[in-house]
Amino acid sequence: MDYQMMLQGIPVKVFLCRDGDWRHDTVFLYNTQKVITRVEIRAIIQYLYDEGYIKDRRTRYMIADGNTYEI
């Protein structure tokens, strides 16, 4: 199951792997601002964890700005 939402003004998509292993899940943060700070990233990941969207706070995330991707 995948989720899409807007958190702190940042579009977020959560892609969960079908095998159920959190290490294969990915959170995409779509950069519509100049900079997404580490504080914002931590707050988003914490929210996703607290609300049960992700199983572990170490879930991989990627920042997409349209041209490049950062892990």
Protein backbone atom coordinates (compact mmCIF):
# COMPACT_ATOMS: atom_id res chain seq x y z
CA MET A 1 0.00 0.00 0.00
CA ASP A 2 1.24 3.47 -0.84
CA TYR A 3 0.34 6.79 0.78
CA GLN A 4 0.42 10.37 -0.49
CA MET A 5 0.07 13.41 1.74
CA MET A 6 1.21 16.96 2.34
CA LEU A 7 3.32 17.46 5.48
CA GLN A 8 4.70 20.86 6.49
CA GLY A 9 3.96 22.09 2.97
CA ILE A 10 6.02 19.28 1.42
CA PRO A 11 4.40 16.65 -0.83
CA VAL A 12 5.26 13.19 0.57
CA LYS A 13 4.76 9.72 -0.91
CA VAL A 14 5.35 6.55 1.09
CA PHE A 15 6.01 3.39 -0.92
CA LEU A 16 5.78 0.20 1.12
CA CYS A 17 7.36 -2.98 -0.24
CA ARG A 18 5.04 -5.95 -0.61
CA ASP A 19 7.44 -8.23 1.25
CA GLY A 20 6.73 -6.38 4.53
CA ASP A 21 10.41 -5.63 5.23
CA TRP A 22 10.74 -1.97 6.28
CA ARG A 23 14.28 -1.86 4.84
CA HIS A 24 12.76 -2.07 1.36
CA ASP A 25 10.31 0.82 1.92
CA THR A 26 11.00 4.34 0.62
CA VAL A 27 9.68 7.78 1.52
CA PHE A 28 9.85 10.40 -1.23
CA LEU A 29 9.91 14.08 -0.27
CA TYR A 30 9.18 16.33 -3.25
CA ASN A 31 11.17 19.52 -3.01
CA THR A 32 8.87 22.41 -3.88
CA GLN A 33 10.94 24.81 -1.77
CA LYS A 34 14.55 25.95 -2.04
CA VAL A 35 15.70 23.76 0.86
CA ILE A 36 14.22 20.98 2.96
CA THR A 37 16.08 21.10 6.26
CA ARG A 38 17.21 18.09 8.28
CA VAL A 39 14.89 19.25 11.07
CA GLU A 40 11.93 19.12 8.66
CA ILE A 41 12.99 15.69 7.41
CA ARG A 42 13.28 14.33 10.96
CA ALA A 43 9.87 15.77 11.88
CA ILE A 44 8.23 14.22 8.81
CA ILE A 45 9.83 10.82 9.40
CA GLN A 46 8.84 10.96 13.08
CA TYR A 47 5.24 11.82 12.14
CA LEU A 48 5.10 8.96 9.61
CA TYR A 49 6.44 6.58 12.27
CA ASP A 50 4.13 7.84 15.04
CA GLU A 51 1.05 7.52 12.81
CA GLY A 52 2.00 4.03 11.60
CA TYR A 53 2.75 4.85 7.97
CA ILE A 54 6.30 3.47 8.33
CA LYS A 55 7.60 0.71 10.62
CA ASP A 56 11.00 2.19 11.46
CA ARG A 57 12.47 5.69 11.66
CA ARG A 58 15.49 4.44 9.69
CA THR A 59 13.31 3.95 6.60
CA ARG A 60 15.12 5.20 3.51
CA TYR A 61 14.02 8.56 2.16
CA MET A 62 14.77 10.38 -1.05
CA ILE A 63 14.44 14.06 -1.86
CA ALA A 64 13.25 14.68 -5.41
CA ASP A 65 13.64 18.16 -6.87
CA GLY A 66 12.64 17.24 -10.39
CA ASN A 67 16.14 16.76 -11.81
CA THR A 68 18.24 15.02 -9.17
CA TYR A 69 17.69 12.66 -6.27
CA GLU A 70 19.43 12.60 -2.92
CA ILE A 71 19.54 9.75 -0.43
